[in-house]
Amino acid sequence: ARLAEMDLATLPDDTAGAVRALDPYDWRSPEAR
């Protein structure tokens, strides 16, 4: 969970970059997924 928080904290600022970076991310929250 701490590593996942670090991943989220380093997401690109731009919207498109953030969406692309989250493509392989393993979501913990069903609502967020």
Full PDB file with SEQRES, HELIX, SHEET, SSBOND, CRYST1, ORIGX, SCALE, CONECT and MASTER records, all heavy atoms in Angstrom:
SEQRES   1 A   33  ALA ARG LEU ALA GLU MET ASP LEU ALA THR LEU PRO ASP          
SEQRES   2 A   33  ASP THR ALA GLY ALA VAL ARG ALA LEU ASP PRO TYR ASP          
SEQRES   3 A   33  TRP ARG SER PRO GLU ALA ARG                                  
HELIX    1 AA1 ARG A    2  ALA A    9  1                                   8    
HELIX    2 AA2 THR A   15  ALA A   21  1                                   7    
CRYST1    1.000    1.000    1.000  90.00  90.00  90.00 P 1           1          
ORIGX1      1.000000  0.000000  0.000000        0.00000                         
ORIGX2      0.000000  1.000000  0.000000        0.00000                         
ORIGX3      0.000000  0.000000  1.000000        0.00000                         
SCALE1      1.000000  0.000000  0.000000        0.00000                         
SCALE2      0.000000  1.000000  0.000000        0.00000                         
SCALE3      0.000000  0.000000  1.000000        0.00000                         
ATOM      1  N   ALA A   1       0.838  -1.207   0.000  1.00  0.00           N  
ATOM      2  CA  ALA A   1       0.000   0.000   0.000  1.00  0.00           C  
ATOM      3  C   ALA A   1       0.867   1.249   0.000  1.00  0.00           C  
ATOM      4  O   ALA A   1       0.556   2.248  -0.666  1.00  0.00           O  
ATOM      5  CB  ALA A   1      -0.926   0.005   1.205  1.00  0.00           C  
ATOM      6  N   ARG A   2       2.027   1.175   0.793  1.00  0.00           N  
ATOM      7  CA  ARG A   2       2.893   2.346   0.812  1.00  0.00           C  
ATOM      8  C   ARG A   2       3.549   2.559  -0.560  1.00  0.00           C  
ATOM      9  O   ARG A   2       3.710   3.701  -1.015  1.00  0.00           O  
ATOM     10  CB  ARG A   2       3.983   2.162   1.875  1.00  0.00           C  
ATOM     11  CG  ARG A   2       3.471   1.871   3.285  1.00  0.00           C  
ATOM     12  CD  ARG A   2       2.815   3.086   3.936  1.00  0.00           C  
ATOM     13  NE  ARG A   2       1.489   3.386   3.466  1.00  0.00           N  
ATOM     14  CZ  ARG A   2       0.387   2.752   3.899  1.00  0.00           C  
ATOM     15  NH1 ARG A   2       0.436   1.753   4.738  1.00  0.00           N  
ATOM     16  NH2 ARG A   2      -0.801   3.133   3.471  1.00  0.00           N  
ATOM     17  N   LEU A   3       3.938   1.452  -1.218  1.00  0.00           N  
ATOM     18  CA  LEU A   3       4.523   1.579  -2.558  1.00  0.00           C  
ATOM     19  C   LEU A   3       3.497   2.140  -3.550  1.00  0.00           C  
ATOM     20  O   LEU A   3       3.833   2.959  -4.413  1.00  0.00           O  
ATOM     21  CB  LEU A   3       5.038   0.214  -3.033  1.00  0.00           C  
ATOM     22  CG  LEU A   3       6.276  -0.345  -2.310  1.00  0.00           C  
ATOM     23  CD1 LEU A   3       6.574  -1.768  -2.778  1.00  0.00           C  
ATOM     24  CD2 LEU A   3       7.489   0.560  -2.571  1.00  0.00           C  
ATOM     25  N   ALA A   4       2.254   1.697  -3.420  1.00  0.00           N  
ATOM     26  CA  ALA A   4       1.199   2.207  -4.320  1.00  0.00           C  
ATOM     27  C   ALA A   4       0.983   3.695  -4.105  1.00  0.00           C  
ATOM     28  O   ALA A   4       0.775   4.463  -5.060  1.00  0.00           O  
ATOM     29  CB  ALA A   4      -0.098   1.447  -4.082  1.00  0.00           C  
ATOM     30  N   GLU A   5       1.063   4.134  -2.824  1.00  0.00           N  
ATOM     31  CA  GLU A   5       0.916   5.563  -2.565  1.00  0.00           C  
ATOM     32  C   GLU A   5       2.037   6.356  -3.210  1.00  0.00           C  
ATOM     33  O   GLU A   5       1.825   7.464  -3.728  1.00  0.00           O  
ATOM     34  CB  GLU A   5       0.904   5.807  -1.050  1.00  0.00           C  
ATOM     35  CG  GLU A   5      -0.393   5.361  -0.385  1.00  0.00           C  
ATOM     36  CD  GLU A   5      -0.352   5.540   1.123  1.00  0.00           C  
ATOM     37  OE1 GLU A   5       0.763   5.576   1.692  1.00  0.00           O  
ATOM     38  OE2 GLU A   5      -1.442   5.637   1.724  1.00  0.00           O  
ATOM     39  N   MET A   6       3.248   5.773  -3.212  1.00  0.00           N  
ATOM     40  CA  MET A   6       4.371   6.452  -3.859  1.00  0.00           C  
ATOM     41  C   MET A   6       4.155   6.533  -5.372  1.00  0.00           C  
ATOM     42  O   MET A   6       4.468   7.549  -6.000  1.00  0.00           O  
ATOM     43  CB  MET A   6       5.679   5.708  -3.537  1.00  0.00           C  
ATOM     44  CG  MET A   6       6.082   5.773  -2.071  1.00  0.00           C  
ATOM     45  SD  MET A   6       7.570   4.818  -1.713  1.00  0.00           S  
ATOM     46  CE  MET A   6       8.750   5.625  -2.785  1.00  0.00           C  
ATOM     47  N   ASP A   7       3.603   5.469  -5.952  1.00  0.00           N  
ATOM     48  CA  ASP A   7       3.316   5.491  -7.400  1.00  0.00           C  
ATOM     49  C   ASP A   7       2.307   6.600  -7.733  1.00  0.00           C  
ATOM     50  O   ASP A   7       2.469   7.329  -8.721  1.00  0.00           O  
ATOM     51  CB  ASP A   7       2.764   4.143  -7.851  1.00  0.00           C  
ATOM     52  CG  ASP A   7       3.833   3.051  -7.854  1.00  0.00           C  
ATOM     53  OD1 ASP A   7       5.032   3.414  -7.903  1.00  0.00           O  
ATOM     54  OD2 ASP A   7       3.451   1.868  -7.815  1.00  0.00           O  
ATOM     55  N   LEU A   8       1.290   6.697  -6.909  1.00  0.00           N  
ATOM     56  CA  LEU A   8       0.273   7.727  -7.176  1.00  0.00           C  
ATOM     57  C   LEU A   8       0.844   9.126  -6.986  1.00  0.00           C  
ATOM     58  O   LEU A   8       0.441  10.077  -7.674  1.00  0.00           O  
ATOM     59  CB  LEU A   8      -0.938   7.527  -6.256  1.00  0.00           C  
ATOM     60  CG  LEU A   8      -1.740   6.235  -6.449  1.00  0.00           C  
ATOM     61  CD1 LEU A   8      -2.945   6.201  -5.507  1.00  0.00           C  
ATOM     62  CD2 LEU A   8      -2.191   6.070  -7.889  1.00  0.00           C  
ATOM     63  N   ALA A   9       1.771   9.243  -6.045  1.00  0.00           N  
ATOM     64  CA  ALA A   9       2.351  10.561  -5.789  1.00  0.00           C  
ATOM     65  C   ALA A   9       3.259  11.019  -6.926  1.00  0.00           C  
ATOM     66  O   ALA A   9       3.510  12.220  -7.078  1.00  0.00           O  
ATOM     67  CB  ALA A   9       3.133  10.539  -4.470  1.00  0.00           C  
ATOM     68  N   THR A  10       3.773  10.092  -7.702  1.00  0.00           N  
ATOM     69  CA  THR A  10       4.693  10.449  -8.803  1.00  0.00           C  
ATOM     70  C   THR A  10       4.005  10.437 -10.166  1.00  0.00           C  
ATOM     71  O   THR A  10       4.686  10.416 -11.201  1.00  0.00           O  
ATOM     72  CB  THR A  10       5.879   9.471  -8.814  1.00  0.00           C  
ATOM     73  OG1 THR A  10       5.395   8.130  -8.957  1.00  0.00           O  
ATOM     74  CG2 THR A  10       6.687   9.599  -7.528  1.00  0.00           C  
ATOM     75  N   LEU A  11       2.685  10.447 -10.197  1.00  0.00           N  
ATOM     76  CA  LEU A  11       1.975  10.478 -11.488  1.00  0.00           C  
ATOM     77  C   LEU A  11       2.273  11.788 -12.224  1.00  0.00           C  
ATOM     78  O   LEU A  11       2.474  12.837 -11.598  1.00  0.00           O  
ATOM     79  CB  LEU A  11       0.454  10.363 -11.266  1.00  0.00           C  
ATOM     80  CG  LEU A  11      -0.094   8.987 -10.881  1.00  0.00           C  
ATOM     81  CD1 LEU A  11      -1.582   9.104 -10.547  1.00  0.00           C  
ATOM     82  CD2 LEU A  11       0.133   7.980 -12.003  1.00  0.00           C  
ATOM     83  N   PRO A  12       2.308  11.768 -13.553  1.00  0.00           N  
ATOM     84  CA  PRO A  12       2.507  13.017 -14.312  1.00  0.00           C  
ATOM     85  C   PRO A  12       1.400  14.022 -13.999  1.00  0.00           C  
ATOM     86  O   PRO A  12       0.264  13.658 -13.672  1.00  0.00           O  
ATOM     87  CB  PRO A  12       2.451  12.559 -15.767  1.00  0.00           C  
ATOM     88  CG  PRO A  12       2.781  11.101 -15.732  1.00  0.00           C  
ATOM     89  CD  PRO A  12       2.225  10.598 -14.431  1.00  0.00           C  
ATOM     90  N   ASP A  13       1.747  15.292 -14.111  1.00  0.00           N  
ATOM     91  CA  ASP A  13       0.752  16.327 -13.814  1.00  0.00           C  
ATOM     92  C   ASP A  13      -0.324  16.433 -14.896  1.00  0.00           C  
ATOM     93  O   ASP A  13      -1.471  16.791 -14.605  1.00  0.00           O  
ATOM     94  CB  ASP A  13       1.453  17.687 -13.662  1.00  0.00           C  
ATOM     95  CG  ASP A  13       2.322  17.727 -12.407  1.00  0.00           C  
ATOM     96  OD1 ASP A  13       2.027  16.981 -11.467  1.00  0.00           O  
ATOM     97  OD2 ASP A  13       3.298  18.512 -12.402  1.00  0.00           O  
ATOM     98  N   ASP A  14       0.053  16.177 -16.154  1.00  0.00           N  
ATOM     99  CA  ASP A  14      -0.928  16.322 -17.233  1.00  0.00           C  
ATOM    100  C   ASP A  14      -1.905  15.159 -17.212  1.00  0.00           C  
ATOM    101  O   ASP A  14      -1.567  14.036 -16.819  1.00  0.00           O  
ATOM    102  CB  ASP A  14      -0.225  16.407 -18.591  1.00  0.00           C  
ATOM    103  CG  ASP A  14       0.523  15.137 -18.934  1.00  0.00           C  
ATOM    104  OD1 ASP A  14       1.636  14.930 -18.363  1.00  0.00           O  
ATOM    105  OD2 ASP A  14       0.024  14.354 -19.744  1.00  0.00           O  
ATOM    106  N   THR A  15      -3.121  15.442 -17.645  1.00  0.00           N  
ATOM    107  CA  THR A  15      -4.202  14.451 -17.574  1.00  0.00           C  
ATOM    108  C   THR A  15      -3.906  13.229 -18.416  1.00  0.00           C  
ATOM    109  O   THR A  15      -4.064  12.082 -17.962  1.00  0.00           O  
ATOM    110  CB  THR A  15      -5.528  15.094 -18.031  1.00  0.00           C  
ATOM    111  OG1 THR A  15      -5.800  16.238 -17.219  1.00  0.00           O  
ATOM    112  CG2 THR A  15      -6.677  14.110 -17.924  1.00  0.00           C  
ATOM    113  N   ALA A  16      -3.489  13.453 -19.673  1.00  0.00           N  
ATOM    114  CA  ALA A  16      -3.235  12.321 -20.558  1.00  0.00           C  
ATOM    115  C   ALA A  16      -2.116  11.446 -20.021  1.00  0.00           C  
ATOM    116  O   ALA A  16      -2.186  10.205 -20.069  1.00  0.00           O  
ATOM    117  CB  ALA A  16      -2.894  12.820 -21.959  1.00  0.00           C  
ATOM    118  N   GLY A  17      -1.056  12.088 -19.501  1.00  0.00           N  
ATOM    119  CA  GLY A  17       0.050  11.305 -18.949  1.00  0.00           C  
ATOM    120  C   GLY A  17      -0.381  10.498 -17.747  1.00  0.00           C  
ATOM    121  O   GLY A  17       0.056   9.346 -17.559  1.00  0.00           O  
ATOM    122  N   ALA A  18      -1.217  11.074 -16.897  1.00  0.00           N  
ATOM    123  CA  ALA A  18      -1.689  10.349 -15.722  1.00  0.00           C  
ATOM    124  C   ALA A  18      -2.537   9.155 -16.118  1.00  0.00           C  
ATOM    125  O   ALA A  18      -2.402   8.053 -15.553  1.00  0.00           O  
ATOM    126  CB  ALA A  18      -2.477  11.289 -14.823  1.00  0.00           C  
ATOM    127  N   VAL A  19      -3.424   9.333 -17.094  1.00  0.00           N  
ATOM    128  CA  VAL A  19      -4.263   8.214 -17.544  1.00  0.00           C  
ATOM    129  C   VAL A  19      -3.393   7.109 -18.125  1.00  0.00           C  
ATOM    130  O   VAL A  19      -3.598   5.910 -17.863  1.00  0.00           O  
ATOM    131  CB  VAL A  19      -5.300   8.708 -18.569  1.00  0.00           C  
ATOM    132  CG1 VAL A  19      -6.037   7.525 -19.198  1.00  0.00           C  
ATOM    133  CG2 VAL A  19      -6.295   9.647 -17.922  1.00  0.00           C  
ATOM    134  N   ARG A  20      -2.398   7.483 -18.924  1.00  0.00           N  
ATOM    135  CA  ARG A  20      -1.511   6.476 -19.523  1.00  0.00           C  
ATOM    136  C   ARG A  20      -0.700   5.752 -18.451  1.00  0.00           C  
ATOM    137  O   ARG A  20      -0.520   4.527 -18.505  1.00  0.00           O  
ATOM    138  CB  ARG A  20      -0.588   7.158 -20.524  1.00  0.00           C  
ATOM    139  CG  ARG A  20       0.343   6.180 -21.248  1.00  0.00           C  
ATOM    140  CD  ARG A  20       1.143   6.860 -22.354  1.00  0.00           C  
ATOM    141  NE  ARG A  20       1.998   7.906 -21.791  1.00  0.00           N  
ATOM    142  CZ  ARG A  20       1.783   9.209 -21.929  1.00  0.00           C  
ATOM    143  NH1 ARG A  20       0.712   9.617 -22.600  1.00  0.00           N  
ATOM    144  NH2 ARG A  20       2.606  10.108 -21.388  1.00  0.00           N  
ATOM    145  N   ALA A  21      -0.206   6.496 -17.451  1.00  0.00           N  
ATOM    146  CA  ALA A  21       0.604   5.876 -16.401  1.00  0.00           C  
ATOM    147  C   ALA A  21      -0.211   4.921 -15.543  1.00  0.00           C  
ATOM    148  O   ALA A  21       0.337   3.958 -14.969  1.00  0.00           O  
ATOM    149  CB  ALA A  21       1.228   6.969 -15.527  1.00  0.00           C  
ATOM    150  N   LEU A  22      -1.503   5.161 -15.430  1.00  0.00           N  
ATOM    151  CA  LEU A  22      -2.353   4.313 -14.591  1.00  0.00           C  
ATOM    152  C   LEU A  22      -2.862   3.071 -15.310  1.00  0.00           C  
ATOM    153  O   LEU A  22      -3.553   2.239 -14.700  1.00  0.00           O  
ATOM    154  CB  LEU A  22      -3.552   5.128 -14.077  1.00  0.00           C  
ATOM    155  CG  LEU A  22      -3.230   6.177 -13.010  1.00  0.00           C  
ATOM    156  CD1 LEU A  22      -4.439   7.087 -12.782  1.00  0.00           C  
ATOM    157  CD2 LEU A  22      -2.810   5.505 -11.702  1.00  0.00           C  
ATOM    158  N   ASP A  23      -2.541   2.932 -16.585  1.00  0.00           N  
ATOM    159  CA  ASP A  23      -3.067   1.801 -17.347  1.00  0.00           C  
ATOM    160  C   ASP A  23      -2.629   0.455 -16.742  1.00  0.00           C  
ATOM    161  O   ASP A  23      -3.452  -0.460 -16.614  1.00  0.00           O  
ATOM    162  CB  ASP A  23      -2.637   1.902 -18.810  1.00  0.00           C  
ATOM    163  CG  ASP A  23      -3.346   0.876 -19.666  1.00  0.00           C  
ATOM    164  OD1 ASP A  23      -4.589   0.809 -19.601  1.00  0.00           O  
ATOM    165  OD2 ASP A  23      -2.664   0.136 -20.398  1.00  0.00           O  
ATOM    166  N   PRO A  24      -1.341   0.293 -16.338  1.00  0.00           N  
ATOM    167  CA  PRO A  24      -0.955  -0.994 -15.730  1.00  0.00           C  
ATOM    168  C   PRO A  24      -1.172  -1.046 -14.215  1.00  0.00           C  
ATOM    169  O   PRO A  24      -0.856  -2.063 -13.571  1.00  0.00           O  
ATOM    170  CB  PRO A  24       0.545  -1.081 -16.055  1.00  0.00           C  
ATOM    171  CG  PRO A  24       1.004   0.343 -16.062  1.00  0.00           C  
ATOM    172  CD  PRO A  24      -0.154   1.145 -16.576  1.00  0.00           C  
ATOM    173  N   TYR A  25      -1.691  -0.013 -13.617  1.00  0.00           N  
ATOM    174  CA  TYR A  25      -1.815   0.070 -12.153  1.00  0.00           C  
ATOM    175  C   TYR A  25      -2.858  -0.929 -11.657  1.00  0.00           C  
ATOM    176  O   TYR A  25      -3.920  -1.096 -12.262  1.00  0.00           O  
ATOM    177  CB  TYR A  25      -2.195   1.496 -11.751  1.00  0.00           C  
ATOM    178  CG  TYR A  25      -2.363   1.698 -10.272  1.00  0.00           C  
ATOM    179  CD1 TYR A  25      -1.242   1.825  -9.452  1.00  0.00           C  
ATOM    180  CD2 TYR A  25      -3.633   1.761  -9.695  1.00  0.00           C  
ATOM    181  CE1 TYR A  25      -1.387   2.008  -8.071  1.00  0.00           C  
ATOM    182  CE2 TYR A  25      -3.787   1.949  -8.328  1.00  0.00           C  
ATOM    183  CZ  TYR A  25      -2.662   2.070  -7.520  1.00  0.00           C  
ATOM    184  OH  TYR A  25      -2.818   2.248  -6.155  1.00  0.00           O  
ATOM    185  N   ASP A  26      -2.520  -1.583 -10.517  1.00  0.00           N  
ATOM    186  CA  ASP A  26      -3.413  -2.562  -9.898  1.00  0.00           C  
ATOM    187  C   ASP A  26      -4.215  -1.852  -8.815  1.00  0.00           C  
ATOM    188  O   ASP A  26      -3.727  -1.589  -7.718  1.00  0.00           O  
ATOM    189  CB  ASP A  26      -2.595  -3.703  -9.286  1.00  0.00           C  
ATOM    190  CG  ASP A  26      -3.488  -4.816  -8.750  1.00  0.00           C  
ATOM    191  OD1 ASP A  26      -4.706  -4.796  -9.063  1.00  0.00           O  
ATOM    192  OD2 ASP A  26      -2.982  -5.675  -8.016  1.00  0.00           O  
ATOM    193  N   TRP A  27      -5.447  -1.522  -9.149  1.00  0.00           N  
ATOM    194  CA  TRP A  27      -6.290  -0.751  -8.238  1.00  0.00           C  
ATOM    195  C   TRP A  27      -6.712  -1.591  -7.043  1.00  0.00           C  
ATOM    196  O   TRP A  27      -7.103  -2.743  -7.159  1.00  0.00           O  
ATOM    197  CB  TRP A  27      -7.529  -0.230  -8.972  1.00  0.00           C  
ATOM    198  CG  TRP A  27      -7.214   0.716 -10.111  1.00  0.00           C  
ATOM    199  CD1 TRP A  27      -6.930   0.376 -11.385  1.00  0.00           C  
ATOM    200  CD2 TRP A  27      -7.150   2.129 -10.023  1.00  0.00           C  
ATOM    201  NE1 TRP A  27      -6.689   1.491 -12.145  1.00  0.00           N  
ATOM    202  CE2 TRP A  27      -6.818   2.605 -11.332  1.00  0.00           C  
ATOM    203  CE3 TRP A  27      -7.317   3.051  -9.004  1.00  0.00           C  
ATOM    204  CZ2 TRP A  27      -6.663   3.952 -11.623  1.00  0.00           C  
ATOM    205  CZ3 TRP A  27      -7.165   4.393  -9.293  1.00  0.00           C  
ATOM    206  CH2 TRP A  27      -6.842   4.845 -10.581  1.00  0.00           C  
ATOM    207  N   ARG A  28      -6.670  -0.968  -5.857  1.00  0.00           N  
ATOM    208  CA  ARG A  28      -7.141  -1.610  -4.648  1.00  0.00           C  
ATOM    209  C   ARG A  28      -8.632  -1.314  -4.417  1.00  0.00           C  
ATOM    210  O   ARG A  28      -9.348  -2.157  -3.901  1.00  0.00           O  
ATOM    211  CB  ARG A  28      -6.349  -1.091  -3.433  1.00  0.00           C  
ATOM    212  CG  ARG A  28      -4.879  -1.454  -3.410  1.00  0.00           C  
ATOM    213  CD  ARG A  28      -4.673  -2.904  -3.012  1.00  0.00           C  
ATOM    214  NE  ARG A  28      -3.281  -3.172  -2.718  1.00  0.00           N  
ATOM    215  CZ  ARG A  28      -2.735  -3.141  -1.504  1.00  0.00           C  
ATOM    216  NH1 ARG A  28      -3.469  -2.832  -0.459  1.00  0.00           N  
ATOM    217  NH2 ARG A  28      -1.461  -3.412  -1.316  1.00  0.00           N  
ATOM    218  N   SER A  29      -9.051  -0.128  -4.796  1.00  0.00           N  
ATOM    219  CA  SER A  29     -10.432   0.292  -4.568  1.00  0.00           C  
ATOM    220  C   SER A  29     -11.308  -0.127  -5.745  1.00  0.00           C  
ATOM    221  O   SER A  29     -11.052   0.268  -6.894  1.00  0.00           O  
ATOM    222  CB  SER A  29     -10.499   1.801  -4.380  1.00  0.00           C  
ATOM    223  OG  SER A  29     -11.839   2.261  -4.457  1.00  0.00           O  
ATOM    224  N   PRO A  30     -12.340  -0.935  -5.496  1.00  0.00           N  
ATOM    225  CA  PRO A  30     -13.267  -1.290  -6.592  1.00  0.00           C  
ATOM    226  C   PRO A  30     -13.921  -0.051  -7.212  1.00  0.00           C  
ATOM    227  O   PRO A  30     -14.107   0.005  -8.430  1.00  0.00           O  
ATOM    228  CB  PRO A  30     -14.293  -2.186  -5.905  1.00  0.00           C  
ATOM    229  CG  PRO A  30     -13.606  -2.708  -4.694  1.00  0.00           C  
ATOM    230  CD  PRO A  30     -12.692  -1.617  -4.239  1.00  0.00           C  
ATOM    231  N   GLU A  31     -14.255   0.912  -6.356  1.00  0.00           N  
ATOM    232  CA  GLU A  31     -14.881   2.131  -6.887  1.00  0.00           C  
ATOM    233  C   GLU A  31     -13.918   2.882  -7.802  1.00  0.00           C  
ATOM    234  O   GLU A  31     -14.306   3.339  -8.883  1.00  0.00           O  
ATOM    235  CB  GLU A  31     -15.299   3.032  -5.719  1.00  0.00           C  
ATOM    236  CG  GLU A  31     -15.920   4.355  -6.163  1.00  0.00           C  
ATOM    237  CD  GLU A  31     -16.149   5.309  -4.993  1.00  0.00           C  
ATOM    238  OE1 GLU A  31     -15.980   4.885  -3.832  1.00  0.00           O  
ATOM    239  OE2 GLU A  31     -16.496   6.481  -5.259  1.00  0.00           O  
ATOM    240  N   ALA A  32     -12.652   2.993  -7.382  1.00  0.00           N  
ATOM    241  CA  ALA A  32     -11.661   3.684  -8.197  1.00  0.00           C  
ATOM    242  C   ALA A  32     -11.422   2.946  -9.507  1.00  0.00           C  
ATOM    243  O   ALA A  32     -11.283   3.563 -10.583  1.00  0.00           O  
ATOM    244  CB  ALA A  32     -10.360   3.819  -7.412  1.00  0.00           C  
ATOM    245  N   ARG A  33     -11.353   1.588  -9.438  1.00  0.00           N  
ATOM    246  CA  ARG A  33     -11.145   0.798 -10.658  1.00  0.00           C  
ATOM    247  C   ARG A  33     -12.296   1.030 -11.647  1.00  0.00           C  
ATOM    248  O   ARG A  33     -12.083   1.210 -12.839  1.00  0.00           O  
ATOM    249  CB  ARG A  33     -11.036  -0.687 -10.306  1.00  0.00           C  
ATOM    250  CG  ARG A  33     -10.792  -1.587 -11.531  1.00  0.00           C  
ATOM    251  CD  ARG A  33     -10.869  -3.066 -11.135  1.00  0.00           C  
ATOM    252  NE  ARG A  33      -9.876  -3.371 -10.105  1.00  0.00           N  
ATOM    253  CZ  ARG A  33      -8.600  -3.648 -10.376  1.00  0.00           C  
ATOM    254  NH1 ARG A  33      -8.178  -3.659 -11.630  1.00  0.00           N  
ATOM    255  NH2 ARG A  33      -7.765  -3.939  -9.381  1.00  0.00           N  
TER     256      ARG A  33                                                      
MASTER        0    0    0    2    0    0    0    6  255    1    0    3          
END                                                                             
